[in-house]
Amino acid sequence: GSNASWMSQNMLISGLVILAFLALH
């Protein structure tokens, strides 16, 4: 029942994937 969403708890993970995508781009 925590108010913290998956996005807020995993911003670093999604950020790392986006960083890898930027490298590909």
PDB file of all heavy atoms in Angstrom:
ATOM      1  N   GLY A   1       0.792  -1.218   0.000  1.00  0.00           N
ATOM      2  CA  GLY A   1       0.000   0.000   0.000  1.00  0.00           C
ATOM      3  C   GLY A   1       0.819   1.259   0.000  1.00  0.00           C
ATOM      4  O   GLY A   1       0.318   2.350   0.236  1.00  0.00           O
ATOM      5  N   SER A   2       2.107   1.141  -0.225  1.00  0.00           N
ATOM      6  CA  SER A   2       2.958   2.322  -0.256  1.00  0.00           C
ATOM      7  C   SER A   2       2.534   3.234  -1.392  1.00  0.00           C
ATOM      8  O   SER A   2       2.122   2.798  -2.457  1.00  0.00           O
ATOM      9  CB  SER A   2       4.426   1.906  -0.443  1.00  0.00           C
ATOM     10  OG  SER A   2       5.222   3.032  -0.666  1.00  0.00           O
ATOM     11  N   ASN A   3       2.643   4.547  -1.170  1.00  0.00           N
ATOM     12  CA  ASN A   3       2.279   5.514  -2.194  1.00  0.00           C
ATOM     13  C   ASN A   3       3.360   5.657  -3.255  1.00  0.00           C
ATOM     14  O   ASN A   3       3.138   6.291  -4.273  1.00  0.00           O
ATOM     15  CB  ASN A   3       2.014   6.879  -1.549  1.00  0.00           C
ATOM     16  CG  ASN A   3       0.756   6.871  -0.703  1.00  0.00           C
ATOM     17  OD1 ASN A   3      -0.210   6.188  -1.032  1.00  0.00           O
ATOM     18  ND2 ASN A   3       0.765   7.620   0.387  1.00  0.00           N
ATOM     19  N   ALA A   4       4.541   5.108  -3.000  1.00  0.00           N
ATOM     20  CA  ALA A   4       5.638   5.221  -3.961  1.00  0.00           C
ATOM     21  C   ALA A   4       5.365   4.335  -5.168  1.00  0.00           C
ATOM     22  O   ALA A   4       5.107   3.143  -5.032  1.00  0.00           O
ATOM     23  CB  ALA A   4       6.960   4.826  -3.297  1.00  0.00           C
ATOM     24  N   SER A   5       5.398   4.910  -6.357  1.00  0.00           N
ATOM     25  CA  SER A   5       5.136   4.151  -7.572  1.00  0.00           C
ATOM     26  C   SER A   5       6.386   3.403  -8.009  1.00  0.00           C
ATOM     27  O   SER A   5       7.492   3.649  -7.530  1.00  0.00           O
ATOM     28  CB  SER A   5       4.692   5.109  -8.685  1.00  0.00           C
ATOM     29  OG  SER A   5       5.745   5.998  -9.006  1.00  0.00           O
ATOM     30  N   TRP A   6       6.187   2.473  -8.969  1.00  0.00           N
ATOM     31  CA  TRP A   6       7.331   1.747  -9.514  1.00  0.00           C
ATOM     32  C   TRP A   6       8.300   2.733 -10.143  1.00  0.00           C
ATOM     33  O   TRP A   6       9.511   2.586 -10.018  1.00  0.00           O
ATOM     34  CB  TRP A   6       6.854   0.741 -10.556  1.00  0.00           C
ATOM     35  CG  TRP A   6       7.977  -0.098 -11.100  1.00  0.00           C
ATOM     36  CD1 TRP A   6       8.403  -1.300 -10.652  1.00  0.00           C
ATOM     37  CD2 TRP A   6       8.843   0.240 -12.205  1.00  0.00           C
ATOM     38  NE1 TRP A   6       9.472  -1.738 -11.399  1.00  0.00           N
ATOM     39  CE2 TRP A   6       9.761  -0.826 -12.349  1.00  0.00           C
ATOM     40  CE3 TRP A   6       8.928   1.333 -13.070  1.00  0.00           C
ATOM     41  CZ2 TRP A   6      10.743  -0.831 -13.340  1.00  0.00           C
ATOM     42  CZ3 TRP A   6       9.914   1.331 -14.052  1.00  0.00           C
ATOM     43  CH2 TRP A   6      10.809   0.255 -14.185  1.00  0.00           C
ATOM     44  N   MET A   7       7.766   3.765 -10.833  1.00  0.00           N
ATOM     45  CA  MET A   7       8.634   4.719 -11.505  1.00  0.00           C
ATOM     46  C   MET A   7       9.518   5.458 -10.521  1.00  0.00           C
ATOM     47  O   MET A   7      10.716   5.622 -10.742  1.00  0.00           O
ATOM     48  CB  MET A   7       7.800   5.731 -12.304  1.00  0.00           C
ATOM     49  CG  MET A   7       7.131   5.143 -13.537  1.00  0.00           C
ATOM     50  SD  MET A   7       5.588   4.297 -13.147  1.00  0.00           S
ATOM     51  CE  MET A   7       4.499   5.714 -12.904  1.00  0.00           C
ATOM     52  N   SER A   8       8.916   5.904  -9.403  1.00  0.00           N
ATOM     53  CA  SER A   8       9.693   6.681  -8.445  1.00  0.00           C
ATOM     54  C   SER A   8      10.757   5.841  -7.760  1.00  0.00           C
ATOM     55  O   SER A   8      11.800   6.345  -7.359  1.00  0.00           O
ATOM     56  CB  SER A   8       8.760   7.306  -7.401  1.00  0.00           C
ATOM     57  OG  SER A   8       8.109   6.297  -6.648  1.00  0.00           O
ATOM     58  N   GLN A   9      10.503   4.533  -7.609  1.00  0.00           N
ATOM     59  CA  GLN A   9      11.458   3.649  -6.941  1.00  0.00           C
ATOM     60  C   GLN A   9      12.557   3.147  -7.868  1.00  0.00           C
ATOM     61  O   GLN A   9      13.564   2.624  -7.402  1.00  0.00           O
ATOM     62  CB  GLN A   9      10.717   2.444  -6.346  1.00  0.00           C
ATOM     63  CG  GLN A   9       9.741   2.803  -5.234  1.00  0.00           C
ATOM     64  CD  GLN A   9       8.975   1.596  -4.729  1.00  0.00           C
ATOM     65  OE1 GLN A   9       9.271   0.464  -5.101  1.00  0.00           O
ATOM     66  NE2 GLN A   9       7.980   1.829  -3.890  1.00  0.00           N
ATOM     67  N   ASN A  10      12.353   3.288  -9.171  1.00  0.00           N
ATOM     68  CA  ASN A  10      13.310   2.715 -10.126  1.00  0.00           C
ATOM     69  C   ASN A  10      13.775   3.729 -11.169  1.00  0.00           C
ATOM     70  O   ASN A  10      14.079   3.362 -12.301  1.00  0.00           O
ATOM     71  CB  ASN A  10      12.668   1.508 -10.837  1.00  0.00           C
ATOM     72  CG  ASN A  10      12.373   0.370  -9.886  1.00  0.00           C
ATOM     73  OD1 ASN A  10      13.237  -0.446  -9.560  1.00  0.00           O
ATOM     74  ND2 ASN A  10      11.126   0.301  -9.424  1.00  0.00           N
ATOM     75  N   MET A  11      13.851   4.993 -10.759  1.00  0.00           N
ATOM     76  CA  MET A  11      14.310   6.026 -11.684  1.00  0.00           C
ATOM     77  C   MET A  11      15.744   5.779 -12.133  1.00  0.00           C
ATOM     78  O   MET A  11      16.110   6.052 -13.284  1.00  0.00           O
ATOM     79  CB  MET A  11      14.197   7.397 -11.026  1.00  0.00           C
ATOM     80  CG  MET A  11      12.770   7.874 -10.832  1.00  0.00           C
ATOM     81  SD  MET A  11      11.928   8.187 -12.401  1.00  0.00           S
ATOM     82  CE  MET A  11      12.658   9.767 -12.852  1.00  0.00           C
ATOM     83  N   LEU A  12      16.584   5.256 -11.242  1.00  0.00           N
ATOM     84  CA  LEU A  12      17.979   5.002 -11.597  1.00  0.00           C
ATOM     85  C   LEU A  12      18.073   3.909 -12.658  1.00  0.00           C
ATOM     86  O   LEU A  12      18.862   4.008 -13.604  1.00  0.00           O
ATOM     87  CB  LEU A  12      18.777   4.612 -10.354  1.00  0.00           C
ATOM     88  CG  LEU A  12      20.283   4.408 -10.568  1.00  0.00           C
ATOM     89  CD1 LEU A  12      20.931   5.700 -11.052  1.00  0.00           C
ATOM     90  CD2 LEU A  12      20.952   3.943  -9.284  1.00  0.00           C
ATOM     91  N   ILE A  13      17.260   2.850 -12.510  1.00  0.00           N
ATOM     92  CA  ILE A  13      17.288   1.750 -13.474  1.00  0.00           C
ATOM     93  C   ILE A  13      16.842   2.226 -14.849  1.00  0.00           C
ATOM     94  O   ILE A  13      17.515   1.984 -15.858  1.00  0.00           O
ATOM     95  CB  ILE A  13      16.397   0.589 -12.995  1.00  0.00           C
ATOM     96  CG1 ILE A  13      16.950  -0.008 -11.701  1.00  0.00           C
ATOM     97  CG2 ILE A  13      16.282  -0.486 -14.073  1.00  0.00           C
ATOM     98  CD1 ILE A  13      16.063  -1.070 -11.082  1.00  0.00           C
ATOM     99  N   SER A  14      15.700   2.907 -14.892  1.00  0.00           N
ATOM    100  CA  SER A  14      15.232   3.401 -16.180  1.00  0.00           C
ATOM    101  C   SER A  14      16.208   4.425 -16.756  1.00  0.00           C
ATOM    102  O   SER A  14      16.430   4.480 -17.968  1.00  0.00           O
ATOM    103  CB  SER A  14      13.834   4.018 -16.036  1.00  0.00           C
ATOM    104  OG  SER A  14      13.838   5.102 -15.123  1.00  0.00           O
ATOM    105  N   GLY A  15      16.825   5.219 -15.877  1.00  0.00           N
ATOM    106  CA  GLY A  15      17.809   6.190 -16.342  1.00  0.00           C
ATOM    107  C   GLY A  15      19.018   5.530 -16.973  1.00  0.00           C
ATOM    108  O   GLY A  15      19.538   6.004 -17.988  1.00  0.00           O
ATOM    109  N   LEU A  16      19.479   4.417 -16.393  1.00  0.00           N
ATOM    110  CA  LEU A  16      20.622   3.703 -16.956  1.00  0.00           C
ATOM    111  C   LEU A  16      20.292   3.119 -18.326  1.00  0.00           C
ATOM    112  O   LEU A  16      21.122   3.148 -19.243  1.00  0.00           O
ATOM    113  CB  LEU A  16      21.055   2.586 -15.998  1.00  0.00           C
ATOM    114  CG  LEU A  16      21.805   3.036 -14.739  1.00  0.00           C
ATOM    115  CD1 LEU A  16      21.973   1.866 -13.781  1.00  0.00           C
ATOM    116  CD2 LEU A  16      23.164   3.622 -15.094  1.00  0.00           C
ATOM    117  N   VAL A  17      19.076   2.581 -18.467  1.00  0.00           N
ATOM    118  CA  VAL A  17      18.675   2.042 -19.767  1.00  0.00           C
ATOM    119  C   VAL A  17      18.588   3.158 -20.805  1.00  0.00           C
ATOM    120  O   VAL A  17      19.030   2.999 -21.953  1.00  0.00           O
ATOM    121  CB  VAL A  17      17.322   1.304 -19.653  1.00  0.00           C
ATOM    122  CG1 VAL A  17      16.849   0.843 -21.031  1.00  0.00           C
ATOM    123  CG2 VAL A  17      17.444   0.113 -18.713  1.00  0.00           C
ATOM    124  N   ILE A  18      18.038   4.300 -20.412  1.00  0.00           N
ATOM    125  CA  ILE A  18      17.946   5.435 -21.322  1.00  0.00           C
ATOM    126  C   ILE A  18      19.341   5.931 -21.698  1.00  0.00           C
ATOM    127  O   ILE A  18      19.602   6.307 -22.842  1.00  0.00           O
ATOM    128  CB  ILE A  18      17.118   6.568 -20.690  1.00  0.00           C
ATOM    129  CG1 ILE A  18      15.671   6.109 -20.504  1.00  0.00           C
ATOM    130  CG2 ILE A  18      17.162   7.823 -21.564  1.00  0.00           C
ATOM    131  CD1 ILE A  18      14.860   7.021 -19.613  1.00  0.00           C
ATOM    132  N   LEU A  19      20.267   5.905 -20.728  1.00  0.00           N
ATOM    133  CA  LEU A  19      21.641   6.305 -21.017  1.00  0.00           C
ATOM    134  C   LEU A  19      22.271   5.365 -22.043  1.00  0.00           C
ATOM    135  O   LEU A  19      22.969   5.812 -22.966  1.00  0.00           O
ATOM    136  CB  LEU A  19      22.466   6.303 -19.724  1.00  0.00           C
ATOM    137  CG  LEU A  19      23.903   6.823 -19.829  1.00  0.00           C
ATOM    138  CD1 LEU A  19      23.917   8.271 -20.294  1.00  0.00           C
ATOM    139  CD2 LEU A  19      24.610   6.689 -18.479  1.00  0.00           C
ATOM    140  N   ALA A  20      22.004   4.064 -21.902  1.00  0.00           N
ATOM    141  CA  ALA A  20      22.507   3.096 -22.880  1.00  0.00           C
ATOM    142  C   ALA A  20      21.890   3.358 -24.256  1.00  0.00           C
ATOM    143  O   ALA A  20      22.572   3.268 -25.290  1.00  0.00           O
ATOM    144  CB  ALA A  20      22.180   1.675 -22.422  1.00  0.00           C
ATOM    145  N   PHE A  21      20.604   3.712 -24.263  1.00  0.00           N
ATOM    146  CA  PHE A  21      19.953   4.042 -25.534  1.00  0.00           C
ATOM    147  C   PHE A  21      20.573   5.280 -26.170  1.00  0.00           C
ATOM    148  O   PHE A  21      20.776   5.333 -27.386  1.00  0.00           O
ATOM    149  CB  PHE A  21      18.456   4.270 -25.305  1.00  0.00           C
ATOM    150  CG  PHE A  21      17.804   5.045 -26.413  1.00  0.00           C
ATOM    151  CD1 PHE A  21      17.568   4.450 -27.641  1.00  0.00           C
ATOM    152  CD2 PHE A  21      17.451   6.373 -26.238  1.00  0.00           C
ATOM    153  CE1 PHE A  21      16.983   5.168 -28.676  1.00  0.00           C
ATOM    154  CE2 PHE A  21      16.873   7.093 -27.253  1.00  0.00           C
ATOM    155  CZ  PHE A  21      16.635   6.492 -28.483  1.00  0.00           C
ATOM    156  N   LEU A  22      20.873   6.287 -25.346  1.00  0.00           N
ATOM    157  CA  LEU A  22      21.500   7.501 -25.880  1.00  0.00           C
ATOM    158  C   LEU A  22      22.851   7.181 -26.508  1.00  0.00           C
ATOM    159  O   LEU A  22      23.217   7.760 -27.537  1.00  0.00           O
ATOM    160  CB  LEU A  22      21.663   8.535 -24.771  1.00  0.00           C
ATOM    161  CG  LEU A  22      20.388   9.260 -24.336  1.00  0.00           C
ATOM    162  CD1 LEU A  22      20.671  10.151 -23.127  1.00  0.00           C
ATOM    163  CD2 LEU A  22      19.811  10.084 -25.474  1.00  0.00           C
ATOM    164  N   ALA A  23      23.579   6.253 -25.887  1.00  0.00           N
ATOM    165  CA  ALA A  23      24.857   5.840 -26.464  1.00  0.00           C
ATOM    166  C   ALA A  23      24.630   5.213 -27.847  1.00  0.00           C
ATOM    167  O   ALA A  23      25.358   5.505 -28.809  1.00  0.00           O
ATOM    168  CB  ALA A  23      25.558   4.852 -25.544  1.00  0.00           C
ATOM    169  N   LEU A  24      23.593   4.358 -27.953  1.00  0.00           N
ATOM    170  CA  LEU A  24      23.260   3.751 -29.245  1.00  0.00           C
ATOM    171  C   LEU A  24      22.841   4.826 -30.252  1.00  0.00           C
ATOM    172  O   LEU A  24      23.244   4.791 -31.423  1.00  0.00           O
ATOM    173  CB  LEU A  24      22.117   2.744 -29.061  1.00  0.00           C
ATOM    174  CG  LEU A  24      21.521   2.143 -30.353  1.00  0.00           C
ATOM    175  CD1 LEU A  24      22.570   1.341 -31.103  1.00  0.00           C
ATOM    176  CD2 LEU A  24      20.308   1.276 -30.022  1.00  0.00           C
ATOM    177  N   HIS A  25      22.061   5.788 -29.792  1.00  0.00           N
ATOM    178  CA  HIS A  25      21.594   6.858 -30.669  1.00  0.00           C
ATOM    179  C   HIS A  25      22.771   7.702 -31.173  1.00  0.00           C
ATOM    180  O   HIS A  25      22.798   8.098 -32.342  1.00  0.00           O
ATOM    181  CB  HIS A  25      20.607   7.734 -29.905  1.00  0.00           C
ATOM    182  CG  HIS A  25      19.802   8.640 -30.782  1.00  0.00           C
ATOM    183  ND1 HIS A  25      18.916   8.183 -31.730  1.00  0.00           N
ATOM    184  CD2 HIS A  25      19.754  10.002 -30.865  1.00  0.00           C
ATOM    185  CE1 HIS A  25      18.350   9.200 -32.348  1.00  0.00           C
ATOM    186  NE2 HIS A  25      18.845  10.322 -31.847  1.00  0.00           N
TER     187      HIS A  25
END
